[in-house]
PDB file of N, CA and C in Angstrom:
ATOM      1  N   UNK A   1     -24.144  17.875   0.961  1.00  0.00           N
ATOM      2  CA  UNK A   1     -25.503  17.515   0.595  1.00  0.00           C
ATOM      3  C   UNK A   1     -25.456  16.491  -0.525  1.00  0.00           C
ATOM      4  N   UNK A   2     -26.321  15.545  -0.487  1.00  0.00           N
ATOM      5  CA  UNK A   2     -26.336  14.476  -1.486  1.00  0.00           C
ATOM      6  C   UNK A   2     -26.874  14.989  -2.812  1.00  0.00           C
ATOM      7  N   UNK A   3     -26.388  14.397  -3.875  1.00  0.00           N
ATOM      8  CA  UNK A   3     -26.928  14.715  -5.193  1.00  0.00           C
ATOM      9  C   UNK A   3     -27.511  13.444  -5.783  1.00  0.00           C
ATOM     10  N   UNK A   4     -28.542  13.613  -6.527  1.00  0.00           N
ATOM     11  CA  UNK A   4     -29.177  12.480  -7.202  1.00  0.00           C
ATOM     12  C   UNK A   4     -28.686  12.445  -8.636  1.00  0.00           C
ATOM     13  N   UNK A   5     -28.913  11.314  -9.283  1.00  0.00           N
ATOM     14  CA  UNK A   5     -28.491  11.226 -10.676  1.00  0.00           C
ATOM     15  C   UNK A   5     -29.147  12.344 -11.475  1.00  0.00           C
ATOM     16  N   UNK A   6     -28.403  12.888 -12.394  1.00  0.00           N
ATOM     17  CA  UNK A   6     -28.896  14.028 -13.153  1.00  0.00           C
ATOM     18  C   UNK A   6     -28.357  15.336 -12.601  1.00  0.00           C
ATOM     19  N   UNK A   7     -27.636  15.270 -11.460  1.00  0.00           N
ATOM     20  CA  UNK A   7     -26.996  16.453 -10.925  1.00  0.00           C
ATOM     21  C   UNK A   7     -27.860  17.310 -10.016  1.00  0.00           C
ATOM     22  N   UNK A   8     -29.136  17.001  -9.836  1.00  0.00           N
ATOM     23  CA  UNK A   8     -29.996  17.810  -8.979  1.00  0.00           C
ATOM     24  C   UNK A   8     -29.643  17.558  -7.516  1.00  0.00           C
ATOM     25  N   UNK A   9     -29.592  18.628  -6.736  1.00  0.00           N
ATOM     26  CA  UNK A   9     -29.282  18.497  -5.317  1.00  0.00           C
ATOM     27  C   UNK A   9     -30.551  18.113  -4.563  1.00  0.00           C
ATOM     28  N   UNK A  10     -30.431  17.077  -3.726  1.00  0.00           N
ATOM     29  CA  UNK A  10     -31.572  16.631  -2.934  1.00  0.00           C
ATOM     30  C   UNK A  10     -31.793  17.596  -1.779  1.00  0.00           C
ATOM     31  N   UNK A  11     -33.047  17.771  -1.409  1.00  0.00           N
ATOM     32  CA  UNK A  11     -33.385  18.616  -0.268  1.00  0.00           C
ATOM     33  C   UNK A  11     -32.949  17.920   1.019  1.00  0.00           C
ATOM     34  N   UNK A  12     -32.414  18.684   1.955  1.00  0.00           N
ATOM     35  CA  UNK A  12     -31.965  18.117   3.232  1.00  0.00           C
ATOM     36  C   UNK A  12     -33.164  17.532   3.980  1.00  0.00           C
ATOM     37  N   UNK A  13     -33.013  16.331   4.516  1.00  0.00           N
ATOM     38  CA  UNK A  13     -34.123  15.715   5.250  1.00  0.00           C
ATOM     39  C   UNK A  13     -34.326  16.395   6.603  1.00  0.00           C
ATOM     40  N   UNK A  14     -35.527  16.317   7.128  1.00  0.00           N
ATOM     41  CA  UNK A  14     -35.802  16.835   8.460  1.00  0.00           C
ATOM     42  C   UNK A  14     -35.268  15.832   9.469  1.00  0.00           C
ATOM     43  N   UNK A  15     -34.389  16.309  10.356  1.00  0.00           N
ATOM     44  CA  UNK A  15     -33.813  15.476  11.404  1.00  0.00           C
ATOM     45  C   UNK A  15     -34.417  15.906  12.733  1.00  0.00           C
ATOM     46  N   UNK A  16     -34.883  14.933  13.511  1.00  0.00           N
ATOM     47  CA  UNK A  16     -35.549  15.186  14.784  1.00  0.00           C
ATOM     48  C   UNK A  16     -34.690  14.637  15.912  1.00  0.00           C
ATOM     49  N   UNK A  17     -34.538  15.422  16.982  1.00  0.00           N
ATOM     50  CA  UNK A  17     -33.827  14.967  18.176  1.00  0.00           C
ATOM     51  C   UNK A  17     -34.814  14.262  19.086  1.00  0.00           C
ATOM     52  N   UNK A  18     -34.600  12.988  19.337  1.00  0.00           N
ATOM     53  CA  UNK A  18     -35.434  12.188  20.232  1.00  0.00           C
ATOM     54  C   UNK A  18     -34.652  12.050  21.536  1.00  0.00           C
ATOM     55  N   UNK A  19     -34.816  13.017  22.414  1.00  0.00           N
ATOM     56  CA  UNK A  19     -34.035  13.072  23.657  1.00  0.00           C
ATOM     57  C   UNK A  19     -34.279  11.851  24.535  1.00  0.00           C
ATOM     58  N   UNK A  20     -35.514  11.403  24.628  1.00  0.00           N
ATOM     59  CA  UNK A  20     -35.857  10.258  25.485  1.00  0.00           C
ATOM     60  C   UNK A  20     -35.105   8.999  25.080  1.00  0.00           C
ATOM     61  N   UNK A  21     -35.049   8.719  23.784  1.00  0.00           N
ATOM     62  CA  UNK A  21     -34.385   7.504  23.290  1.00  0.00           C
ATOM     63  C   UNK A  21     -32.925   7.737  22.918  1.00  0.00           C
ATOM     64  N   UNK A  22     -32.432   8.961  23.135  1.00  0.00           N
ATOM     65  CA  UNK A  22     -31.046   9.330  22.805  1.00  0.00           C
ATOM     66  C   UNK A  22     -30.713   8.993  21.350  1.00  0.00           C
ATOM     67  N   UNK A  23     -31.534   9.573  20.468  1.00  0.00           N
ATOM     68  CA  UNK A  23     -31.375   9.345  19.031  1.00  0.00           C
ATOM     69  C   UNK A  23     -31.651  10.624  18.259  1.00  0.00           C
ATOM     70  N   UNK A  24     -31.027  10.719  17.103  1.00  0.00           N
ATOM     71  CA  UNK A  24     -31.408  11.689  16.085  1.00  0.00           C
ATOM     72  C   UNK A  24     -31.999  10.851  14.964  1.00  0.00           C
ATOM     73  N   UNK A  25     -33.172  11.265  14.463  1.00  0.00           N
ATOM     74  CA  UNK A  25     -33.918  10.425  13.517  1.00  0.00           C
ATOM     75  C   UNK A  25     -34.432  11.251  12.348  1.00  0.00           C
ATOM     76  N   UNK A  26     -34.643  10.562  11.236  1.00  0.00           N
ATOM     77  CA  UNK A  26     -35.381  11.202  10.151  1.00  0.00           C
ATOM     78  C   UNK A  26     -36.836  11.248  10.599  1.00  0.00           C
ATOM     79  N   UNK A  27     -37.611  12.050   9.952  1.00  0.00           N
ATOM     80  CA  UNK A  27     -38.999  12.252  10.365  1.00  0.00           C
ATOM     81  C   UNK A  27     -39.772  10.938  10.481  1.00  0.00           C
ATOM     82  N   UNK A  28     -39.546  10.001   9.583  1.00  0.00           N
ATOM     83  CA  UNK A  28     -40.245   8.723   9.629  1.00  0.00           C
ATOM     84  C   UNK A  28     -39.609   7.696  10.550  1.00  0.00           C
ATOM     85  N   UNK A  29     -38.534   8.073  11.231  1.00  0.00           N
ATOM     86  CA  UNK A  29     -37.810   7.222  12.181  1.00  0.00           C
ATOM     87  C   UNK A  29     -37.175   5.995  11.539  1.00  0.00           C
ATOM     88  N   UNK A  30     -36.997   6.014  10.229  1.00  0.00           N
ATOM     89  CA  UNK A  30     -36.408   4.853   9.554  1.00  0.00           C
ATOM     90  C   UNK A  30     -34.883   4.912   9.540  1.00  0.00           C
ATOM     91  N   UNK A  31     -34.319   6.102   9.525  1.00  0.00           N
ATOM     92  CA  UNK A  31     -32.865   6.264   9.610  1.00  0.00           C
ATOM     93  C   UNK A  31     -32.595   6.983  10.926  1.00  0.00           C
ATOM     94  N   UNK A  32     -31.527   6.562  11.625  1.00  0.00           N
ATOM     95  CA  UNK A  32     -31.264   7.168  12.930  1.00  0.00           C
ATOM     96  C   UNK A  32     -29.796   7.054  13.315  1.00  0.00           C
ATOM     97  N   UNK A  33     -29.433   7.872  14.293  1.00  0.00           N
ATOM     98  CA  UNK A  33     -28.117   7.855  14.913  1.00  0.00           C
ATOM     99  C   UNK A  33     -28.353   7.723  16.417  1.00  0.00           C
ATOM    100  N   UNK A  34     -27.726   6.732  17.041  1.00  0.00           N
ATOM    101  CA  UNK A  34     -27.859   6.528  18.486  1.00  0.00           C
ATOM    102  C   UNK A  34     -26.612   7.046  19.188  1.00  0.00           C
ATOM    103  N   UNK A  35     -26.807   7.611  20.375  1.00  0.00           N
ATOM    104  CA  UNK A  35     -25.676   8.135  21.141  1.00  0.00           C
ATOM    105  C   UNK A  35     -25.855   7.836  22.626  1.00  0.00           C
ATOM    106  N   UNK A  36     -24.760   7.953  23.360  1.00  0.00           N
ATOM    107  CA  UNK A  36     -24.774   7.868  24.818  1.00  0.00           C
ATOM    108  C   UNK A  36     -24.053   9.088  25.356  1.00  0.00           C
ATOM    109  N   UNK A  37     -24.509   9.576  26.501  1.00  0.00           N
ATOM    110  CA  UNK A  37     -23.847  10.689  27.161  1.00  0.00           C
ATOM    111  C   UNK A  37     -23.037  10.158  28.336  1.00  0.00           C
ATOM    112  N   UNK A  38     -21.886  10.787  28.587  1.00  0.00           N
ATOM    113  CA  UNK A  38     -21.080  10.439  29.750  1.00  0.00           C
ATOM    114  C   UNK A  38     -20.441  11.701  30.305  1.00  0.00           C
ATOM    115  N   UNK A  39     -19.746  11.550  31.405  1.00  0.00           N
ATOM    116  CA  UNK A  39     -19.140  12.698  32.100  1.00  0.00           C
ATOM    117  C   UNK A  39     -20.180  13.779  32.398  1.00  0.00           C
ATOM    118  N   UNK A  40     -21.295  13.331  32.976  1.00  0.00           N
ATOM    119  CA  UNK A  40     -22.347  14.284  33.346  1.00  0.00           C
ATOM    120  C   UNK A  40     -22.982  14.982  32.168  1.00  0.00           C
ATOM    121  N   UNK A  41     -22.991  14.350  31.024  1.00  0.00           N
ATOM    122  CA  UNK A  41     -23.591  14.928  29.826  1.00  0.00           C
ATOM    123  C   UNK A  41     -22.659  15.830  29.034  1.00  0.00           C
ATOM    124  N   UNK A  42     -21.400  15.880  29.423  1.00  0.00           N
ATOM    125  CA  UNK A  42     -20.436  16.743  28.725  1.00  0.00           C
ATOM    126  C   UNK A  42     -19.831  16.078  27.495  1.00  0.00           C
ATOM    127  N   UNK A  43     -19.946  14.745  27.402  1.00  0.00           N
ATOM    128  CA  UNK A  43     -19.381  14.003  26.277  1.00  0.00           C
ATOM    129  C   UNK A  43     -20.477  13.185  25.620  1.00  0.00           C
ATOM    130  N   UNK A  44     -20.588  13.285  24.305  1.00  0.00           N
ATOM    131  CA  UNK A  44     -21.552  12.492  23.542  1.00  0.00           C
ATOM    132  C   UNK A  44     -20.777  11.461  22.723  1.00  0.00           C
ATOM    133  N   UNK A  45     -21.023  10.195  22.999  1.00  0.00           N
ATOM    134  CA  UNK A  45     -20.437   9.110  22.204  1.00  0.00           C
ATOM    135  C   UNK A  45     -21.467   8.664  21.178  1.00  0.00           C
ATOM    136  N   UNK A  46     -21.112   8.739  19.908  1.00  0.00           N
ATOM    137  CA  UNK A  46     -21.997   8.243  18.854  1.00  0.00           C
ATOM    138  C   UNK A  46     -21.772   6.743  18.762  1.00  0.00           C
ATOM    139  N   UNK A  47     -22.829   5.990  18.971  1.00  0.00           N
ATOM    140  CA  UNK A  47     -22.755   4.540  19.069  1.00  0.00           C
ATOM    141  C   UNK A  47     -23.034   3.859  17.735  1.00  0.00           C
ATOM    142  N   UNK A  48     -24.032   4.347  17.020  1.00  0.00           N
ATOM    143  CA  UNK A  48     -24.513   3.588  15.861  1.00  0.00           C
ATOM    144  C   UNK A  48     -25.300   4.503  14.938  1.00  0.00           C
ATOM    145  N   UNK A  49     -25.140   4.306  13.638  1.00  0.00           N
ATOM    146  CA  UNK A  49     -26.046   4.912  12.667  1.00  0.00           C
ATOM    147  C   UNK A  49     -26.690   3.789  11.864  1.00  0.00           C
ATOM    148  N   UNK A  50     -27.911   4.021  11.440  1.00  0.00           N
ATOM    149  CA  UNK A  50     -28.607   3.045  10.605  1.00  0.00           C
ATOM    150  C   UNK A  50     -29.386   3.783   9.536  1.00  0.00           C
ATOM    151  N   UNK A  51     -29.232   3.317   8.305  1.00  0.00           N
ATOM    152  CA  UNK A  51     -30.010   3.808   7.168  1.00  0.00           C
ATOM    153  C   UNK A  51     -30.509   2.578   6.430  1.00  0.00           C
ATOM    154  N   UNK A  52     -31.829   2.468   6.204  1.00  0.00           N
ATOM    155  CA  UNK A  52     -32.333   1.298   5.487  1.00  0.00           C
ATOM    156  C   UNK A  52     -31.749   1.226   4.076  1.00  0.00           C
ATOM    157  N   UNK A  53     -31.608   0.030   3.572  1.00  0.00           N
ATOM    158  CA  UNK A  53     -30.970  -0.161   2.261  1.00  0.00           C
ATOM    159  C   UNK A  53     -31.652   0.649   1.154  1.00  0.00           C
ATOM    160  N   UNK A  54     -32.943   0.855   1.264  1.00  0.00           N
ATOM    161  CA  UNK A  54     -33.661   1.618   0.236  1.00  0.00           C
ATOM    162  C   UNK A  54     -33.315   3.102   0.245  1.00  0.00           C
ATOM    163  N   UNK A  55     -32.683   3.583   1.314  1.00  0.00           N
ATOM    164  CA  UNK A  55     -32.342   5.007   1.440  1.00  0.00           C
ATOM    165  C   UNK A  55     -30.841   5.260   1.440  1.00  0.00           C
ATOM    166  N   UNK A  56     -30.041   4.236   1.271  1.00  0.00           N
ATOM    167  CA  UNK A  56     -28.587   4.395   1.308  1.00  0.00           C
ATOM    168  C   UNK A  56     -28.099   5.135   0.069  1.00  0.00           C
ATOM    169  N   UNK A  57     -26.986   5.842   0.245  1.00  0.00           N
ATOM    170  CA  UNK A  57     -26.393   6.593  -0.853  1.00  0.00           C
ATOM    171  C   UNK A  57     -26.958   7.992  -1.021  1.00  0.00           C
ATOM    172  N   UNK A  58     -27.842   8.408  -0.124  1.00  0.00           N
ATOM    173  CA  UNK A  58     -28.455   9.730  -0.208  1.00  0.00           C
ATOM    174  C   UNK A  58     -27.852  10.719   0.787  1.00  0.00           C
ATOM    175  N   UNK A  59     -26.878  10.270   1.579  1.00  0.00           N
ATOM    176  CA  UNK A  59     -26.249  11.162   2.543  1.00  0.00           C
ATOM    177  C   UNK A  59     -26.972  11.286   3.872  1.00  0.00           C
ATOM    178  N   UNK A  60     -27.902  10.378   4.150  1.00  0.00           N
ATOM    179  CA  UNK A  60     -28.668  10.476   5.400  1.00  0.00           C
ATOM    180  C   UNK A  60     -27.789  10.339   6.633  1.00  0.00           C
ATOM    181  N   UNK A  61     -26.831   9.421   6.628  1.00  0.00           N
ATOM    182  CA  UNK A  61     -25.941   9.260   7.782  1.00  0.00           C
ATOM    183  C   UNK A  61     -25.154  10.550   8.013  1.00  0.00           C
ATOM    184  N   UNK A  62     -24.762  11.206   6.956  1.00  0.00           N
ATOM    185  CA  UNK A  62     -24.062  12.479   7.074  1.00  0.00           C
ATOM    186  C   UNK A  62     -24.955  13.537   7.711  1.00  0.00           C
ATOM    187  N   UNK A  63     -26.198  13.642   7.266  1.00  0.00           N
ATOM    188  CA  UNK A  63     -27.142  14.613   7.837  1.00  0.00           C
ATOM    189  C   UNK A  63     -27.397  14.317   9.312  1.00  0.00           C
ATOM    190  N   UNK A  64     -27.529  13.050   9.660  1.00  0.00           N
ATOM    191  CA  UNK A  64     -27.730  12.677  11.060  1.00  0.00           C
ATOM    192  C   UNK A  64     -26.516  13.061  11.900  1.00  0.00           C
ATOM    193  N   UNK A  65     -25.326  12.810  11.371  1.00  0.00           N
ATOM    194  CA  UNK A  65     -24.090  13.134  12.087  1.00  0.00           C
ATOM    195  C   UNK A  65     -23.941  14.637  12.287  1.00  0.00           C
ATOM    196  N   UNK A  66     -24.214  15.404  11.260  1.00  0.00           N
ATOM    197  CA  UNK A  66     -24.111  16.865  11.372  1.00  0.00           C
ATOM    198  C   UNK A  66     -25.094  17.378  12.424  1.00  0.00           C
ATOM    199  N   UNK A  67     -26.302  16.844  12.456  1.00  0.00           N
ATOM    200  CA  UNK A  67     -27.284  17.262  13.473  1.00  0.00           C
ATOM    201  C   UNK A  67     -26.754  16.947  14.878  1.00  0.00           C
ATOM    202  N   UNK A  68     -26.171  15.771  15.063  1.00  0.00           N
ATOM    203  CA  UNK A  68     -25.614  15.395  16.371  1.00  0.00           C
ATOM    204  C   UNK A  68     -24.441  16.300  16.736  1.00  0.00           C
ATOM    205  N   UNK A  69     -23.533  16.547  15.792  1.00  0.00           N
ATOM    206  CA  UNK A  69     -22.381  17.416  16.064  1.00  0.00           C
ATOM    207  C   UNK A  69     -22.829  18.829  16.424  1.00  0.00           C
ATOM    208  N   UNK A  70     -23.785  19.355  15.668  1.00  0.00           N
ATOM    209  CA  UNK A  70     -24.289  20.703  15.972  1.00  0.00           C
ATOM    210  C   UNK A  70     -24.937  20.755  17.346  1.00  0.00           C
ATOM    211  N   UNK A  71     -25.673  19.731  17.682  1.00  0.00           N
ATOM    212  CA  UNK A  71     -26.317  19.660  19.003  1.00  0.00           C
ATOM    213  C   UNK A  71     -25.273  19.578  20.109  1.00  0.00           C
ATOM    214  N   UNK A  72     -24.218  18.817  19.888  1.00  0.00           N
ATOM    215  CA  UNK A  72     -23.172  18.611  20.904  1.00  0.00           C
ATOM    216  C   UNK A  72     -22.409  19.904  21.193  1.00  0.00           C
ATOM    217  N   UNK A  73     -22.388  20.826  20.289  1.00  0.00           N
ATOM    218  CA  UNK A  73     -21.669  22.081  20.496  1.00  0.00           C
ATOM    219  C   UNK A  73     -22.280  22.925  21.595  1.00  0.00           C
ATOM    220  N   UNK A  74     -23.546  22.693  21.919  1.00  0.00           N
ATOM    221  CA  UNK A  74     -24.232  23.523  22.918  1.00  0.00           C
ATOM    222  C   UNK A  74     -24.107  22.942  24.251  1.00  0.00           C
TER     223      UNK A  74
END
């Protein structure tokens, strides 16, 4: 989990699975992780992550990745 200056732990952002667009996104859709499925949906390839410069350094890409990994386990 990301920490902000002063040592306070930031609250984990809400990550939404956008199945139609094959993305995991923050609630405002400004940060996202794109993926593709192959082998009949048995393999998830993570293609791209994006975090706007104003939100970088907060661990958003990590939260997006963890959401994708947790989803892929099922």
